[in-house]
């Protein structure tokens, strides 16, 4: 085995000893394939080039927040059994810790609810906008079938192209690009199409204004009439506003969770938990069973 392969072998051994016992499966790490052939023991490593499966990751960020709360609750349960647990710091008292756990549980539930409501609102907006491009094509068909001047038809076509995200100007040929570059001109043909939901709503508004201004747009089809188009515009405008509100609610819930759990100085969950551990150590000493119990309860920071 080459030097660097031997070093990788040792590192993987240590990693698996620390984190992945007991396992009985085949895992592949970046460069080497590792076979774990028994439970609670590391045996028979084989090296080969086969990179098809990665080591399973730990908890997701979402479950990590939940784990922190569960660990806080476990810390509280342990402290309730300590007869000498009587901190002077109000934030470390059992009633305050219980209130903190309840607050964080509520925050996590609120955030989860806001995420669900946001997902529903996003799906609803997607449905509201779903037929817009096809409807715009039909509108232009009605315009083409009318007696409007060609200049007005071209203006409406431009509105519809923007709404549908269609490239208005044709791409330059290689020869045209070369000729322009030879004169020192910078050639940039990146698309500038505005196809976001709010962009589409604005383009529909502009289309309605143009159609109204012509005074000649009067189809018989109900869904193509200006009244129907205006009603659709109102629906899309409302859908965008609902998304903005849902995003704001979700962001606020996320921000509040981060403050209470991780960022409020000296009062966040992680700092409080660490302070509780230090207090237990001060009461019982670092080698006591009580401190060993709380020390092994882990907390991590997540975004």
Protein backbone atom coordinates (compact mmCIF):
# COMPACT_ATOMS: atom_id res chain seq x y z
CA UNK A 1 0.00 0.00 0.00
CA UNK A 2 1.36 3.43 -0.91
CA UNK A 3 2.23 5.91 1.85
CA UNK A 4 -0.75 8.18 1.27
CA UNK A 5 -3.05 5.15 0.99
CA UNK A 6 -1.78 3.84 4.31
CA UNK A 7 -2.39 7.22 5.92
CA UNK A 8 -5.93 7.31 4.51
CA UNK A 9 -6.50 3.77 5.83
CA UNK A 10 -5.51 4.82 9.36
CA UNK A 11 -7.60 8.01 9.26
CA UNK A 12 -10.66 6.07 8.12
CA UNK A 13 -10.12 3.52 10.88
CA UNK A 14 -10.13 6.26 13.48
CA UNK A 15 -13.18 7.95 11.94
CA UNK A 16 -15.19 4.75 11.93
CA UNK A 17 -14.12 3.85 15.46
CA UNK A 18 -15.37 7.19 16.70
CA UNK A 19 -18.58 7.55 14.75
CA UNK A 20 -19.76 4.50 12.85
CA UNK A 21 -19.73 1.57 15.24
CA UNK A 22 -21.67 -0.66 15.17
CA UNK A 23 -22.31 -0.95 11.44
CA UNK A 24 -22.62 -3.79 8.99
CA UNK A 25 -22.57 -2.49 5.47
CA UNK A 26 -20.32 -1.37 2.66
CA UNK A 27 -19.33 2.31 2.42
CA UNK A 28 -17.28 4.20 -0.06
CA UNK A 29 -15.26 7.26 0.93
CA UNK A 30 -14.02 9.54 -1.84
CA UNK A 31 -11.13 7.38 -3.04
CA UNK A 32 -11.35 4.04 -1.24
CA UNK A 33 -13.95 1.37 -0.75
CA UNK A 34 -14.30 0.14 2.83
CA UNK A 35 -16.03 -3.08 3.88
CA UNK A 36 -17.31 -3.33 7.47
CA UNK A 37 -17.83 -7.02 8.03
CA UNK A 38 -18.92 -7.29 11.65
CA UNK A 39 -20.72 -5.42 14.36
CA UNK A 40 -18.73 -3.60 17.08
CA UNK A 41 -15.45 -4.58 15.36
CA UNK A 42 -13.48 -3.20 12.45
CA UNK A 43 -12.18 -5.91 10.16
CA UNK A 44 -10.93 -6.48 6.64
CA UNK A 45 -10.50 -3.20 4.84
CA UNK A 46 -10.08 -3.53 1.09
CA UNK A 47 -8.92 -0.78 -1.22
CA UNK A 48 -10.27 -0.24 -4.71
CA UNK A 49 -11.47 2.53 -7.03
CA UNK A 50 -15.23 2.38 -6.70
CA UNK A 51 -17.02 5.52 -5.65
CA UNK A 52 -20.69 4.86 -5.47
CA UNK A 53 -21.98 5.36 -1.96
CA UNK A 54 -21.16 7.95 0.66
CA UNK A 55 -21.14 7.60 4.44
CA UNK A 56 -24.51 8.65 5.78
CA UNK A 57 -24.50 12.12 7.24
CA UNK A 58 -25.73 13.01 10.68
CA UNK A 59 -28.91 14.80 11.55
CA UNK A 60 -30.29 17.32 9.15
CA UNK A 61 -30.32 20.92 10.27
CA UNK A 62 -34.04 20.75 11.03
CA UNK A 63 -33.73 17.65 13.22
CA UNK A 64 -30.65 19.21 14.84
CA UNK A 65 -32.77 22.01 16.30
CA UNK A 66 -35.22 19.43 17.63
CA UNK A 67 -32.36 17.42 19.11
CA UNK A 68 -31.12 20.51 20.95
CA UNK A 69 -34.54 20.99 22.55
CA UNK A 70 -34.80 17.30 23.45
CA UNK A 71 -31.35 17.49 25.04
CA UNK A 72 -32.37 20.59 27.00
CA UNK A 73 -35.37 18.69 28.33
CA UNK A 74 -33.10 15.80 29.29
CA UNK A 75 -30.79 18.24 31.06
CA UNK A 76 -33.75 19.58 33.03
CA UNK A 77 -34.83 16.03 34.00
CA UNK A 78 -31.33 15.26 35.26
CA UNK A 79 -31.11 18.48 37.23
CA UNK A 80 -34.44 17.75 38.92
CA UNK A 81 -32.83 14.67 40.48
CA UNK A 82 -29.90 16.64 41.92
CA UNK A 83 -30.79 17.44 45.54
CA UNK A 84 -28.21 20.23 45.74
CA UNK A 85 -29.31 21.97 42.52
CA UNK A 86 -30.20 25.47 43.73
CA UNK A 87 -28.60 28.12 41.48
CA UNK A 88 -28.67 31.81 42.34
CA UNK A 89 -28.83 32.72 38.64
CA UNK A 90 -32.54 33.06 37.87
CA UNK A 91 -32.03 31.83 34.30
CA UNK A 92 -30.66 28.51 35.59
CA UNK A 93 -33.55 27.73 37.92
CA UNK A 94 -35.65 24.75 36.90
CA UNK A 95 -38.79 26.84 36.31
CA UNK A 96 -36.87 29.17 33.97
CA UNK A 97 -35.33 26.21 32.14
CA UNK A 98 -38.75 24.64 31.67
CA UNK A 99 -40.11 27.91 30.33
CA UNK A 100 -37.19 28.12 27.90
CA UNK A 101 -37.84 24.58 26.66
CA UNK A 102 -41.53 25.38 26.15
CA UNK A 103 -40.70 28.62 24.34
CA UNK A 104 -38.30 26.91 21.96
CA UNK A 105 -40.72 24.07 21.27
CA UNK A 106 -43.36 26.65 20.39
CA UNK A 107 -40.92 28.51 18.13
CA UNK A 108 -40.03 25.34 16.26
CA UNK A 109 -43.71 24.50 15.79
CA UNK A 110 -44.43 28.04 14.61
CA UNK A 111 -41.58 27.88 12.10
CA UNK A 112 -42.72 24.48 10.84
CA UNK A 113 -46.25 25.81 10.40
CA UNK A 114 -45.00 28.88 8.53
CA UNK A 115 -42.94 26.66 6.23
CA UNK A 116 -46.01 24.59 5.46
CA UNK A 117 -48.12 27.65 4.77
CA UNK A 118 -45.39 29.07 2.52
CA UNK A 119 -45.24 25.81 0.55
CA UNK A 120 -49.03 25.87 0.07
CA UNK A 121 -48.94 29.51 -1.03
CA UNK A 122 -46.12 28.81 -3.51
CA UNK A 123 -48.06 25.89 -5.00
CA UNK A 124 -51.20 28.02 -5.29
CA UNK A 125 -49.32 30.83 -7.09
CA UNK A 126 -47.75 28.34 -9.47
CA UNK A 127 -51.22 27.09 -10.33
CA UNK A 128 -52.54 30.64 -10.79
CA UNK A 129 -49.75 31.47 -13.24
CA UNK A 130 -49.75 28.07 -14.99
CA UNK A 131 -51.85 28.93 -18.05
CA UNK A 132 -50.64 32.50 -18.54
CA UNK A 133 -48.31 31.89 -21.49
CA UNK A 134 -50.91 29.91 -23.45
CA UNK A 135 -53.54 32.53 -22.70
CA UNK A 136 -51.19 35.25 -23.99
CA UNK A 137 -50.72 33.27 -27.23
CA UNK A 138 -54.49 33.12 -27.67
CA UNK A 139 -54.75 36.86 -26.99
CA UNK A 140 -52.28 37.52 -29.78
CA UNK A 141 -54.28 35.23 -32.06
CA UNK A 142 -57.31 37.42 -31.43
CA UNK A 143 -55.19 40.53 -32.13
CA UNK A 144 -53.93 39.08 -35.40
CA UNK A 145 -57.49 38.28 -36.44
CA UNK A 146 -58.55 41.89 -35.85
CA UNK A 147 -58.27 44.94 -38.12
CA UNK A 148 -55.70 46.71 -35.92
CA UNK A 149 -52.82 48.45 -37.71
CA UNK A 150 -49.71 46.28 -38.00
CA UNK A 151 -47.73 48.73 -35.90
CA UNK A 152 -50.07 48.18 -32.95
CA UNK A 153 -50.00 44.43 -33.51
CA UNK A 154 -46.20 44.55 -33.37
CA UNK A 155 -46.33 46.48 -30.08
CA UNK A 156 -48.69 43.89 -28.60
CA UNK A 157 -46.44 41.11 -29.86
CA UNK A 158 -43.54 42.75 -28.04
CA UNK A 159 -45.60 42.84 -24.82
CA UNK A 160 -46.45 39.18 -25.18
CA UNK A 161 -42.86 38.19 -25.94
CA UNK A 162 -41.78 39.85 -22.69
CA UNK A 163 -44.54 38.12 -20.76
CA UNK A 164 -43.57 34.73 -22.17
CA UNK A 165 -39.84 35.34 -21.76
CA UNK A 166 -39.24 35.06 -25.50
CA UNK A 167 -36.01 36.50 -26.88
CA UNK A 168 -37.04 39.57 -28.88
CA UNK A 169 -33.90 40.12 -30.93
CA UNK A 170 -32.30 37.31 -32.94
CA UNK A 171 -28.85 36.10 -31.92
CA UNK A 172 -25.98 37.47 -33.96
CA UNK A 173 -24.11 35.19 -36.31
CA UNK A 174 -20.47 34.36 -35.68
CA UNK A 175 -19.47 36.72 -38.49
CA UNK A 176 -21.52 39.58 -36.99
CA UNK A 177 -19.90 39.06 -33.60
CA UNK A 178 -16.43 39.01 -35.13
CA UNK A 179 -17.11 42.22 -37.07
CA UNK A 180 -18.34 44.02 -33.95
CA UNK A 181 -15.45 42.81 -31.81
CA UNK A 182 -13.02 44.03 -34.49
CA UNK A 183 -14.33 47.56 -33.95
CA UNK A 184 -13.75 47.31 -30.20
CA UNK A 185 -17.41 46.76 -29.37
CA UNK A 186 -18.17 44.44 -26.47
CA UNK A 187 -20.53 41.61 -27.47
CA UNK A 188 -22.86 40.43 -24.72
CA UNK A 189 -25.83 38.31 -25.75
CA UNK A 190 -26.84 37.06 -22.36
CA UNK A 191 -30.60 36.83 -22.02
CA UNK A 192 -32.24 39.66 -20.15
CA UNK A 193 -35.68 38.02 -20.13
CA UNK A 194 -37.72 38.89 -17.07
CA UNK A 195 -39.62 35.72 -16.29
CA UNK A 196 -40.14 35.96 -12.53
CA UNK A 197 -43.69 35.87 -11.22
CA UNK A 198 -43.74 39.59 -10.47
CA UNK A 199 -42.19 40.30 -13.89
CA UNK A 200 -44.94 38.30 -15.56
CA UNK A 201 -47.57 40.16 -13.56
CA UNK A 202 -46.14 43.50 -14.68
CA UNK A 203 -45.96 42.39 -18.32
CA UNK A 204 -49.61 41.27 -18.17
CA UNK A 205 -50.53 44.69 -16.79
CA UNK A 206 -48.69 46.39 -19.66
CA UNK A 207 -50.40 44.09 -22.15
CA UNK A 208 -53.84 44.97 -20.75
CA UNK A 209 -53.02 48.68 -20.93
CA UNK A 210 -51.93 48.36 -24.56
CA UNK A 211 -55.01 46.33 -25.53
CA UNK A 212 -57.27 48.87 -23.80
CA UNK A 213 -55.56 51.81 -25.50
CA UNK A 214 -56.19 50.36 -28.97
CA UNK A 215 -59.95 50.60 -28.57
CA UNK A 216 -60.19 47.75 -31.09
CA UNK A 217 -59.63 44.70 -28.91
CA UNK A 218 -63.07 43.11 -28.47
CA UNK A 219 -63.00 39.29 -28.69
CA UNK A 220 -66.16 37.26 -28.11
CA UNK A 221 -64.39 34.57 -26.06
CA UNK A 222 -65.11 35.21 -22.38
CA UNK A 223 -61.64 34.39 -21.02
CA UNK A 224 -59.98 36.64 -23.62
CA UNK A 225 -62.06 39.72 -22.85
CA UNK A 226 -60.46 42.66 -21.08
CA UNK A 227 -62.68 42.15 -18.01
CA UNK A 228 -61.40 38.58 -17.68
CA UNK A 229 -57.79 39.64 -18.21
CA UNK A 230 -58.14 42.32 -15.54
CA UNK A 231 -59.64 39.77 -13.13
CA UNK A 232 -56.74 37.43 -13.84
CA UNK A 233 -54.28 40.25 -13.19
CA UNK A 234 -55.95 40.89 -9.83
CA UNK A 235 -55.63 37.19 -8.95
CA UNK A 236 -51.92 37.14 -9.86
CA UNK A 237 -51.27 40.35 -7.96
CA UNK A 238 -52.92 38.84 -4.89
CA UNK A 239 -50.90 35.62 -5.29
CA UNK A 240 -47.64 37.57 -5.32
CA UNK A 241 -48.70 39.57 -2.27
CA UNK A 242 -49.57 36.37 -0.39
CA UNK A 243 -46.12 34.97 -1.18
CA UNK A 244 -44.47 38.11 0.14
CA UNK A 245 -46.47 37.85 3.36
CA UNK A 246 -45.73 34.14 3.79
CA UNK A 247 -42.02 34.71 3.20
CA UNK A 248 -42.02 37.49 5.79
CA UNK A 249 -43.77 35.32 8.38
CA UNK A 250 -41.38 32.43 7.77
CA UNK A 251 -38.32 34.69 7.95
CA UNK A 252 -39.52 36.24 11.21
CA UNK A 253 -40.14 32.82 12.76
CA UNK A 254 -36.69 31.65 11.66
CA UNK A 255 -35.06 34.79 13.04
CA UNK A 256 -36.80 34.40 16.41
CA UNK A 257 -35.71 30.77 16.63
CA UNK A 258 -32.10 31.72 15.94
CA UNK A 259 -32.15 34.45 18.59
CA UNK A 260 -33.62 32.29 21.35
CA UNK A 261 -31.59 29.19 20.56
CA UNK A 262 -28.25 30.55 19.37
CA UNK A 263 -27.56 34.27 19.17
CA UNK A 264 -29.05 36.18 22.12
CA UNK A 265 -26.00 36.95 24.25
CA UNK A 266 -25.88 34.88 27.47
CA UNK A 267 -29.57 34.01 27.24
CA UNK A 268 -29.68 31.64 24.26
CA UNK A 269 -30.29 27.93 24.73
CA UNK A 270 -26.67 26.91 24.14
CA UNK A 271 -25.27 29.44 26.61
CA UNK A 272 -27.86 28.53 29.24
CA UNK A 273 -27.13 24.81 28.85
CA UNK A 274 -23.41 25.44 29.22
CA UNK A 275 -24.03 27.56 32.30
CA UNK A 276 -26.11 24.77 33.84
CA UNK A 277 -23.27 22.31 33.30
CA UNK A 278 -20.79 24.70 34.88
CA UNK A 279 -23.07 25.20 37.86
CA UNK A 280 -23.42 21.44 38.38
CA UNK A 281 -19.65 21.13 38.21
CA UNK A 282 -19.27 23.87 40.82
CA UNK A 283 -21.66 22.09 43.16
CA UNK A 284 -20.57 18.49 42.76
CA UNK A 285 -17.03 18.85 41.23
CA UNK A 286 -15.75 17.71 37.83
CA UNK A 287 -15.37 14.03 38.75
CA UNK A 288 -18.84 13.57 40.21
CA UNK A 289 -21.47 11.29 38.65
CA UNK A 290 -23.83 14.27 38.50
CA UNK A 291 -21.48 16.34 36.37
CA UNK A 292 -20.58 13.39 34.16
CA UNK A 293 -24.28 12.92 33.44
CA UNK A 294 -24.84 16.49 32.27
CA UNK A 295 -21.50 16.83 30.54
CA UNK A 296 -22.34 14.13 28.01
CA UNK A 297 -25.52 15.93 26.92
CA UNK A 298 -24.43 17.74 23.79
CA UNK A 299 -25.70 20.87 22.07
CA UNK A 300 -24.77 22.26 18.66
CA UNK A 301 -25.35 25.51 16.81
CA UNK A 302 -27.27 25.42 13.52
CA UNK A 303 -28.28 28.02 10.94
